[in-house]
Amino acid sequence: MTETTMEDQVKESLMDVIDPELGIDIVNLGLIYKIDIIDSNCIITMTLTTMGCPLGDYLHDEIVDAAECVEGIKSVEINLVWEPAWEIDKASRFARISLGIFDS
């Protein structure tokens, strides 16, 4: 049995954060680029599907709540980046199929 890291636990918890417009979690959408845990502080590097995403504040709050549910996490910082830009190929196969995009 492999040991689950705290980063893995945060990633799993973030799978409960659903993008309300697309109906798919932010992990499968490929919005989460990196999760770092430093002294019980969680730093999540991520992007949004578009720069003007109207759900930014909503997603921020949901992400913080989800990460703080992981035992041992005391604070959460979200590092929102635009490089590399999000593209549909960052989404998992599950997300692409859910969106009606089939790999050829």
C-alpha atoms as a PDB file:
ATOM      1  CA  MET A   1       0.000   0.000   0.000  1.00  0.00           C
ATOM      2  CA  THR A   2       1.373   3.397  -0.958  1.00  0.00           C
ATOM      3  CA  GLU A   3       1.398   6.245   1.494  1.00  0.00           C
ATOM      4  CA  THR A   4      -0.877   9.164   0.653  1.00  0.00           C
ATOM      5  CA  THR A   5       0.875  12.507   0.935  1.00  0.00           C
ATOM      6  CA  MET A   6      -0.811  15.593   2.281  1.00  0.00           C
ATOM      7  CA  GLU A   7      -0.585  17.066  -1.241  1.00  0.00           C
ATOM      8  CA  ASP A   8      -2.501  14.023  -2.539  1.00  0.00           C
ATOM      9  CA  GLN A   9      -5.111  14.504   0.176  1.00  0.00           C
ATOM     10  CA  VAL A  10      -5.570  18.151  -0.803  1.00  0.00           C
ATOM     11  CA  LYS A  11      -5.847  17.188  -4.481  1.00  0.00           C
ATOM     12  CA  GLU A  12      -8.479  14.592  -3.623  1.00  0.00           C
ATOM     13  CA  SER A  13     -10.409  17.144  -1.563  1.00  0.00           C
ATOM     14  CA  LEU A  14     -10.248  19.625  -4.466  1.00  0.00           C
ATOM     15  CA  MET A  15     -12.065  17.077  -6.620  1.00  0.00           C
ATOM     16  CA  ASP A  16     -15.177  18.117  -4.685  1.00  0.00           C
ATOM     17  CA  VAL A  17     -14.869  21.681  -6.040  1.00  0.00           C
ATOM     18  CA  ILE A  18     -17.103  21.768  -9.106  1.00  0.00           C
ATOM     19  CA  ASP A  19     -16.959  24.481 -11.753  1.00  0.00           C
ATOM     20  CA  PRO A  20     -20.674  25.427 -11.784  1.00  0.00           C
ATOM     21  CA  GLU A  21     -20.626  26.474 -15.446  1.00  0.00           C
ATOM     22  CA  LEU A  22     -19.087  23.228 -16.695  1.00  0.00           C
ATOM     23  CA  GLY A  23     -20.249  20.808 -13.986  1.00  0.00           C
ATOM     24  CA  ILE A  24     -16.791  19.227 -13.695  1.00  0.00           C
ATOM     25  CA  ASP A  25     -14.339  19.387 -10.812  1.00  0.00           C
ATOM     26  CA  ILE A  26     -11.360  21.725 -11.068  1.00  0.00           C
ATOM     27  CA  VAL A  27      -8.824  18.881 -10.809  1.00  0.00           C
ATOM     28  CA  ASN A  28     -10.202  17.003 -13.816  1.00  0.00           C
ATOM     29  CA  LEU A  29     -10.504  20.292 -15.699  1.00  0.00           C
ATOM     30  CA  GLY A  30      -6.742  20.660 -15.283  1.00  0.00           C
ATOM     31  CA  LEU A  31      -6.943  23.967 -13.429  1.00  0.00           C
ATOM     32  CA  ILE A  32      -4.686  22.843 -10.565  1.00  0.00           C
ATOM     33  CA  TYR A  33      -1.038  23.067 -11.600  1.00  0.00           C
ATOM     34  CA  LYS A  34       0.755  22.439  -8.304  1.00  0.00           C
ATOM     35  CA  ILE A  35       0.119  21.853  -4.603  1.00  0.00           C
ATOM     36  CA  ASP A  36       2.851  22.581  -2.065  1.00  0.00           C
ATOM     37  CA  ILE A  37       2.665  22.069   1.682  1.00  0.00           C
ATOM     38  CA  ILE A  38       5.167  24.043   3.751  1.00  0.00           C
ATOM     39  CA  ASP A  39       4.844  23.927   7.548  1.00  0.00           C
ATOM     40  CA  SER A  40       1.081  23.190   7.453  1.00  0.00           C
ATOM     41  CA  ASN A  41       0.558  25.967   4.918  1.00  0.00           C
ATOM     42  CA  CYS A  42      -0.921  24.889   1.583  1.00  0.00           C
ATOM     43  CA  ILE A  43       0.037  26.798  -1.559  1.00  0.00           C
ATOM     44  CA  ILE A  44      -2.085  25.957  -4.590  1.00  0.00           C
ATOM     45  CA  THR A  45      -0.867  27.137  -7.976  1.00  0.00           C
ATOM     46  CA  MET A  46      -3.731  27.176 -10.423  1.00  0.00           C
ATOM     47  CA  THR A  47      -5.400  28.948 -13.300  1.00  0.00           C
ATOM     48  CA  LEU A  48      -8.926  29.582 -14.519  1.00  0.00           C
ATOM     49  CA  THR A  49     -10.427  28.676 -17.883  1.00  0.00           C
ATOM     50  CA  THR A  50     -10.535  32.366 -18.847  1.00  0.00           C
ATOM     51  CA  MET A  51      -9.052  35.570 -17.449  1.00  0.00           C
ATOM     52  CA  GLY A  52     -12.449  37.174 -16.952  1.00  0.00           C
ATOM     53  CA  CYS A  53     -13.976  34.140 -15.263  1.00  0.00           C
ATOM     54  CA  PRO A  54     -16.886  35.486 -13.193  1.00  0.00           C
ATOM     55  CA  LEU A  55     -16.583  32.561 -10.784  1.00  0.00           C
ATOM     56  CA  GLY A  56     -13.103  33.439  -9.516  1.00  0.00           C
ATOM     57  CA  ASP A  57     -14.222  34.566  -6.051  1.00  0.00           C
ATOM     58  CA  TYR A  58     -16.621  31.642  -5.669  1.00  0.00           C
ATOM     59  CA  LEU A  59     -13.959  29.119  -6.685  1.00  0.00           C
ATOM     60  CA  HIS A  60     -11.399  30.761  -4.386  1.00  0.00           C
ATOM     61  CA  ASP A  61     -13.651  30.297  -1.367  1.00  0.00           C
ATOM     62  CA  GLU A  62     -14.554  26.712  -2.323  1.00  0.00           C
ATOM     63  CA  ILE A  63     -10.880  25.812  -2.852  1.00  0.00           C
ATOM     64  CA  VAL A  64      -9.828  27.265   0.509  1.00  0.00           C
ATOM     65  CA  ASP A  65     -12.656  25.413   2.272  1.00  0.00           C
ATOM     66  CA  ALA A  66     -11.786  22.115   0.552  1.00  0.00           C
ATOM     67  CA  ALA A  67      -8.066  22.358   1.309  1.00  0.00           C
ATOM     68  CA  GLU A  68      -8.667  23.349   4.937  1.00  0.00           C
ATOM     69  CA  CYS A  69     -10.699  20.149   5.382  1.00  0.00           C
ATOM     70  CA  VAL A  70      -7.460  18.166   5.134  1.00  0.00           C
ATOM     71  CA  GLU A  71      -6.092  17.366   8.562  1.00  0.00           C
ATOM     72  CA  GLY A  72      -2.931  19.338   9.275  1.00  0.00           C
ATOM     73  CA  ILE A  73      -3.622  22.236   6.897  1.00  0.00           C
ATOM     74  CA  LYS A  74      -3.666  25.488   8.817  1.00  0.00           C
ATOM     75  CA  SER A  75      -3.739  28.045   5.996  1.00  0.00           C
ATOM     76  CA  VAL A  76      -4.286  28.117   2.252  1.00  0.00           C
ATOM     77  CA  GLU A  77      -2.785  30.470  -0.299  1.00  0.00           C
ATOM     78  CA  ILE A  78      -3.910  30.446  -3.906  1.00  0.00           C
ATOM     79  CA  ASN A  79      -1.336  31.451  -6.484  1.00  0.00           C
ATOM     80  CA  LEU A  80      -3.416  32.317  -9.563  1.00  0.00           C
ATOM     81  CA  VAL A  81      -1.333  32.198 -12.736  1.00  0.00           C
ATOM     82  CA  TRP A  82      -2.061  32.747 -16.421  1.00  0.00           C
ATOM     83  CA  GLU A  83       1.064  31.055 -17.777  1.00  0.00           C
ATOM     84  CA  PRO A  84       0.802  28.442 -19.014  1.00  0.00           C
ATOM     85  CA  ALA A  85      -2.646  29.357 -20.250  1.00  0.00           C
ATOM     86  CA  TRP A  86      -5.361  26.777 -19.722  1.00  0.00           C
ATOM     87  CA  GLU A  87      -6.338  24.774 -22.774  1.00  0.00           C
ATOM     88  CA  ILE A  88      -8.773  21.888 -23.107  1.00  0.00           C
ATOM     89  CA  ASP A  89      -5.882  19.438 -23.512  1.00  0.00           C
ATOM     90  CA  LYS A  90      -5.033  20.046 -19.828  1.00  0.00           C
ATOM     91  CA  ALA A  91      -8.368  18.471 -18.900  1.00  0.00           C
ATOM     92  CA  SER A  92      -8.501  14.764 -18.104  1.00  0.00           C
ATOM     93  CA  ARG A  93     -10.020  12.300 -20.550  1.00  0.00           C
ATOM     94  CA  PHE A  94     -13.003  12.065 -18.176  1.00  0.00           C
ATOM     95  CA  ALA A  95     -13.538  15.844 -18.347  1.00  0.00           C
ATOM     96  CA  ARG A  96     -13.216  15.972 -22.133  1.00  0.00           C
ATOM     97  CA  ILE A  97     -15.725  13.144 -22.568  1.00  0.00           C
ATOM     98  CA  SER A  98     -18.099  14.851 -20.102  1.00  0.00           C
ATOM     99  CA  LEU A  99     -17.853  17.983 -22.234  1.00  0.00           C
ATOM    100  CA  GLY A 100     -18.575  15.997 -25.390  1.00  0.00           C
ATOM    101  CA  ILE A 101     -15.011  16.207 -26.698  1.00  0.00           C
ATOM    102  CA  PHE A 102     -13.848  12.836 -27.929  1.00  0.00           C
ATOM    103  CA  ASP A 103     -10.201  12.051 -28.689  1.00  0.00           C
ATOM    104  CA  SER A 104      -9.634  10.825 -32.197  1.00  0.00           C
END
